[in-house]
Amino acid sequence: MDDDLHVRSGDELTAAEVYDIWRIRDVVFAVEQQCDEPDVDGIDLLPTCHHLWFADADGPTSYLRTFTTESGVRKVGRVATRQDQRGRGLSSRLLRAVLERWGDAEVRLGAQAYLHDWYAGFGFERCGENFWEAGIEHVPMRRLPRA
């Protein structure tokens, strides 16, 4: 297992990295969770989008992306861990890496409802009413800047 953290902005990704990223997201979101909305949304290749992941010989083991919106808000999403790698704390390590790099500003996310408490453990709080996205109930959450 290669536990080195990979971090790339959207405009730095190689074609092979884009393929591997979309592959893990396809397996987790389209196949396992049967999301009913397209994953490719025009954000991944932007220079304001950063991709973080761990990988082994079979590709990414755990992945997330973070980006700033046009209004300057930092968002986290597309958190995905390969089924054979779950339970190892990889997603936690990725989220901590985001907060270490960008935690001096507010960070927002739409948590799948069943993960509300997991994100709360990182200091995220509900900031609105639940909503449906890709056929899955989500909770809007935010983490205020660290002091």
C-alpha atoms as a PDB file:
ATOM      1  CA  MET A   1       0.000   0.000   0.000  1.00  0.00           C
ATOM      2  CA  ASP A   2       1.361   3.386  -0.994  1.00  0.00           C
ATOM      3  CA  ASP A   3       0.230   5.807   1.705  1.00  0.00           C
ATOM      4  CA  ASP A   4       1.758   8.877   0.072  1.00  0.00           C
ATOM      5  CA  LEU A   5      -0.763  11.662  -0.310  1.00  0.00           C
ATOM      6  CA  HIS A   6      -1.234  12.874  -3.873  1.00  0.00           C
ATOM      7  CA  VAL A   7      -2.437  16.473  -4.320  1.00  0.00           C
ATOM      8  CA  ARG A   8      -3.029  18.032  -7.732  1.00  0.00           C
ATOM      9  CA  SER A   9      -4.920  21.043  -8.964  1.00  0.00           C
ATOM     10  CA  GLY A  10      -7.284  20.388 -11.833  1.00  0.00           C
ATOM     11  CA  ASP A  11      -4.985  21.966 -14.386  1.00  0.00           C
ATOM     12  CA  GLU A  12      -2.060  19.759 -13.240  1.00  0.00           C
ATOM     13  CA  LEU A  13      -3.773  16.383 -13.639  1.00  0.00           C
ATOM     14  CA  THR A  14      -2.445  13.952 -16.206  1.00  0.00           C
ATOM     15  CA  ALA A  15      -4.841  12.035 -18.442  1.00  0.00           C
ATOM     16  CA  ALA A  16      -4.079   8.858 -16.471  1.00  0.00           C
ATOM     17  CA  GLU A  17      -4.890  10.614 -13.164  1.00  0.00           C
ATOM     18  CA  VAL A  18      -8.189  11.931 -14.524  1.00  0.00           C
ATOM     19  CA  TYR A  19      -9.066   8.419 -15.692  1.00  0.00           C
ATOM     20  CA  ASP A  20      -8.219   6.887 -12.283  1.00  0.00           C
ATOM     21  CA  ILE A  21     -10.160   9.576 -10.415  1.00  0.00           C
ATOM     22  CA  TRP A  22     -13.257   9.147 -12.553  1.00  0.00           C
ATOM     23  CA  ARG A  23     -12.929   5.364 -12.250  1.00  0.00           C
ATOM     24  CA  ILE A  24     -13.064   5.342  -8.421  1.00  0.00           C
ATOM     25  CA  ARG A  25     -15.922   7.838  -8.440  1.00  0.00           C
ATOM     26  CA  ASP A  26     -17.797   5.795 -11.051  1.00  0.00           C
ATOM     27  CA  VAL A  27     -17.508   2.589  -9.006  1.00  0.00           C
ATOM     28  CA  VAL A  28     -18.499   4.222  -5.708  1.00  0.00           C
ATOM     29  CA  PHE A  29     -21.181   6.650  -6.848  1.00  0.00           C
ATOM     30  CA  ALA A  30     -22.694   5.207 -10.038  1.00  0.00           C
ATOM     31  CA  VAL A  31     -22.340   1.480  -9.381  1.00  0.00           C
ATOM     32  CA  GLU A  32     -22.489   1.104  -5.573  1.00  0.00           C
ATOM     33  CA  GLN A  33     -24.727   4.058  -4.669  1.00  0.00           C
ATOM     34  CA  GLN A  34     -26.643   4.216  -7.963  1.00  0.00           C
ATOM     35  CA  CYS A  35     -26.506   8.024  -8.109  1.00  0.00           C
ATOM     36  CA  ASP A  36     -28.937   9.386 -10.658  1.00  0.00           C
ATOM     37  CA  GLU A  37     -26.988  12.494 -11.750  1.00  0.00           C
ATOM     38  CA  PRO A  38     -23.856  12.828 -13.894  1.00  0.00           C
ATOM     39  CA  ASP A  39     -20.578  12.930 -11.980  1.00  0.00           C
ATOM     40  CA  VAL A  40     -18.645  15.011 -14.515  1.00  0.00           C
ATOM     41  CA  ASP A  41     -19.700  18.592 -13.813  1.00  0.00           C
ATOM     42  CA  GLY A  42     -17.080  20.894 -15.317  1.00  0.00           C
ATOM     43  CA  ILE A  43     -15.225  21.481 -12.037  1.00  0.00           C
ATOM     44  CA  ASP A  44     -12.537  18.785 -12.017  1.00  0.00           C
ATOM     45  CA  LEU A  45     -10.084  20.416 -14.438  1.00  0.00           C
ATOM     46  CA  LEU A  46     -10.277  23.948 -13.028  1.00  0.00           C
ATOM     47  CA  PRO A  47      -7.127  25.366 -11.399  1.00  0.00           C
ATOM     48  CA  THR A  48      -9.268  26.195  -8.332  1.00  0.00           C
ATOM     49  CA  CYS A  49     -10.120  22.496  -7.881  1.00  0.00           C
ATOM     50  CA  HIS A  50      -7.721  20.291  -5.942  1.00  0.00           C
ATOM     51  CA  HIS A  51      -7.799  16.507  -5.942  1.00  0.00           C
ATOM     52  CA  LEU A  52      -6.387  14.564  -3.009  1.00  0.00           C
ATOM     53  CA  TRP A  53      -5.950  10.795  -2.962  1.00  0.00           C
ATOM     54  CA  PHE A  54      -4.044   7.764  -1.784  1.00  0.00           C
ATOM     55  CA  ALA A  55      -3.274   4.998  -4.258  1.00  0.00           C
ATOM     56  CA  ASP A  56      -1.913   1.491  -4.598  1.00  0.00           C
ATOM     57  CA  ALA A  57      -1.063  -0.599  -7.666  1.00  0.00           C
ATOM     58  CA  ASP A  58      -4.785  -0.813  -8.529  1.00  0.00           C
ATOM     59  CA  GLY A  59      -5.291   2.968  -8.533  1.00  0.00           C
ATOM     60  CA  PRO A  60      -6.785   5.382  -6.008  1.00  0.00           C
ATOM     61  CA  THR A  61      -7.754   3.771  -2.703  1.00  0.00           C
ATOM     62  CA  SER A  62      -9.412   6.880  -1.275  1.00  0.00           C
ATOM     63  CA  TYR A  63     -10.165  10.216  -2.915  1.00  0.00           C
ATOM     64  CA  LEU A  64     -11.811  13.601  -2.477  1.00  0.00           C
ATOM     65  CA  ARG A  65     -11.865  16.923  -4.238  1.00  0.00           C
ATOM     66  CA  THR A  66     -12.032  20.442  -2.910  1.00  0.00           C
ATOM     67  CA  PHE A  67     -12.597  23.631  -4.839  1.00  0.00           C
ATOM     68  CA  THR A  68     -13.473  27.258  -4.441  1.00  0.00           C
ATOM     69  CA  THR A  69     -16.716  28.477  -5.923  1.00  0.00           C
ATOM     70  CA  GLU A  70     -16.981  31.667  -7.961  1.00  0.00           C
ATOM     71  CA  SER A  71     -18.044  33.418  -4.746  1.00  0.00           C
ATOM     72  CA  GLY A  72     -14.850  32.228  -3.002  1.00  0.00           C
ATOM     73  CA  VAL A  73     -16.358  29.512  -0.797  1.00  0.00           C
ATOM     74  CA  ARG A  74     -14.230  26.384  -0.303  1.00  0.00           C
ATOM     75  CA  LYS A  75     -16.229  23.168  -0.826  1.00  0.00           C
ATOM     76  CA  VAL A  76     -15.377  19.512  -0.290  1.00  0.00           C
ATOM     77  CA  GLY A  77     -17.033  16.701  -2.171  1.00  0.00           C
ATOM     78  CA  ARG A  78     -16.798  13.446  -4.071  1.00  0.00           C
ATOM     79  CA  VAL A  79     -15.345  11.667  -1.022  1.00  0.00           C
ATOM     80  CA  ALA A  80     -14.912   8.050  -2.120  1.00  0.00           C
ATOM     81  CA  THR A  81     -13.009   5.038  -0.820  1.00  0.00           C
ATOM     82  CA  ARG A  82     -12.624   1.783  -2.686  1.00  0.00           C
ATOM     83  CA  GLN A  83     -14.615  -1.002  -1.050  1.00  0.00           C
ATOM     84  CA  ASP A  84     -11.516  -3.140  -0.346  1.00  0.00           C
ATOM     85  CA  GLN A  85      -9.858  -0.209   1.478  1.00  0.00           C
ATOM     86  CA  ARG A  86     -12.690   0.929   3.770  1.00  0.00           C
ATOM     87  CA  GLY A  87     -12.238   0.978   7.522  1.00  0.00           C
ATOM     88  CA  ARG A  88      -8.591   2.066   7.371  1.00  0.00           C
ATOM     89  CA  GLY A  89      -9.205   5.766   8.105  1.00  0.00           C
ATOM     90  CA  LEU A  90      -8.154   6.919   4.640  1.00  0.00           C
ATOM     91  CA  SER A  91     -11.052   9.356   4.143  1.00  0.00           C
ATOM     92  CA  SER A  92     -10.360  10.826   7.580  1.00  0.00           C
ATOM     93  CA  ARG A  93      -6.754  11.404   6.604  1.00  0.00           C
ATOM     94  CA  LEU A  94      -7.828  13.110   3.371  1.00  0.00           C
ATOM     95  CA  LEU A  95     -10.277  15.387   5.170  1.00  0.00           C
ATOM     96  CA  ARG A  96      -7.640  16.294   7.766  1.00  0.00           C
ATOM     97  CA  ALA A  97      -5.255  17.157   4.903  1.00  0.00           C
ATOM     98  CA  VAL A  98      -7.863  19.544   3.472  1.00  0.00           C
ATOM     99  CA  LEU A  99      -8.388  21.192   6.847  1.00  0.00           C
ATOM    100  CA  GLU A 100      -4.627  21.530   7.406  1.00  0.00           C
ATOM    101  CA  ARG A 101      -4.229  23.275   4.042  1.00  0.00           C
ATOM    102  CA  TRP A 102      -7.423  25.334   3.830  1.00  0.00           C
ATOM    103  CA  GLY A 103      -8.920  25.279   7.350  1.00  0.00           C
ATOM    104  CA  ASP A 104      -8.126  28.955   7.925  1.00  0.00           C
ATOM    105  CA  ALA A 105     -11.234  29.726   5.847  1.00  0.00           C
ATOM    106  CA  GLU A 106     -14.779  28.431   6.039  1.00  0.00           C
ATOM    107  CA  VAL A 107     -15.209  25.012   4.422  1.00  0.00           C
ATOM    108  CA  ARG A 108     -18.600  23.732   3.235  1.00  0.00           C
ATOM    109  CA  LEU A 109     -19.890  20.388   2.064  1.00  0.00           C
ATOM    110  CA  GLY A 110     -23.052  18.450   1.383  1.00  0.00           C
ATOM    111  CA  ALA A 111     -22.768  15.348   3.555  1.00  0.00           C
ATOM    112  CA  GLN A 112     -24.707  12.238   2.731  1.00  0.00           C
ATOM    113  CA  ALA A 113     -27.174  12.222   5.627  1.00  0.00           C
ATOM    114  CA  TYR A 114     -25.858   9.044   7.216  1.00  0.00           C
ATOM    115  CA  LEU A 115     -22.387  10.650   7.451  1.00  0.00           C
ATOM    116  CA  HIS A 116     -23.533  13.736   9.378  1.00  0.00           C
ATOM    117  CA  ASP A 117     -21.952  12.599  12.651  1.00  0.00           C
ATOM    118  CA  TRP A 118     -18.696  11.588  10.964  1.00  0.00           C
ATOM    119  CA  TYR A 119     -18.264  15.091   9.503  1.00  0.00           C
ATOM    120  CA  ALA A 120     -19.339  16.645  12.818  1.00  0.00           C
ATOM    121  CA  GLY A 121     -16.312  14.932  14.350  1.00  0.00           C
ATOM    122  CA  PHE A 122     -14.156  17.235  12.207  1.00  0.00           C
ATOM    123  CA  GLY A 123     -15.955  20.365  13.425  1.00  0.00           C
ATOM    124  CA  PHE A 124     -18.589  20.612  10.679  1.00  0.00           C
ATOM    125  CA  GLU A 125     -22.062  21.833  11.682  1.00  0.00           C
ATOM    126  CA  ARG A 126     -25.408  21.734   9.915  1.00  0.00           C
ATOM    127  CA  CYS A 127     -26.096  25.007   8.105  1.00  0.00           C
ATOM    128  CA  GLY A 128     -29.470  24.412   6.438  1.00  0.00           C
ATOM    129  CA  GLU A 129     -32.226  21.973   5.630  1.00  0.00           C
ATOM    130  CA  ASN A 130     -31.593  18.543   4.175  1.00  0.00           C
ATOM    131  CA  PHE A 131     -31.707  18.279   0.392  1.00  0.00           C
ATOM    132  CA  TRP A 132     -31.672  15.571  -2.244  1.00  0.00           C
ATOM    133  CA  GLU A 133     -28.772  15.281  -4.670  1.00  0.00           C
ATOM    134  CA  ALA A 134     -28.142  12.406  -7.062  1.00  0.00           C
ATOM    135  CA  GLY A 135     -31.023  10.518  -5.447  1.00  0.00           C
ATOM    136  CA  ILE A 136     -29.381  10.610  -1.987  1.00  0.00           C
ATOM    137  CA  GLU A 137     -30.386  12.683   1.038  1.00  0.00           C
ATOM    138  CA  HIS A 138     -27.699  15.219   2.016  1.00  0.00           C
ATOM    139  CA  VAL A 139     -27.120  17.632   4.899  1.00  0.00           C
ATOM    140  CA  PRO A 140     -25.532  21.033   4.213  1.00  0.00           C
ATOM    141  CA  MET A 141     -22.612  21.500   6.608  1.00  0.00           C
ATOM    142  CA  ARG A 142     -19.905  24.044   7.242  1.00  0.00           C
ATOM    143  CA  ARG A 143     -16.790  24.340   9.333  1.00  0.00           C
ATOM    144  CA  LEU A 144     -15.929  27.839  10.408  1.00  0.00           C
ATOM    145  CA  PRO A 145     -12.330  29.048  10.153  1.00  0.00           C
ATOM    146  CA  ARG A 146     -10.035  27.843  12.876  1.00  0.00           C
ATOM    147  CA  ALA A 147      -9.053  30.497  15.374  1.00  0.00           C
END
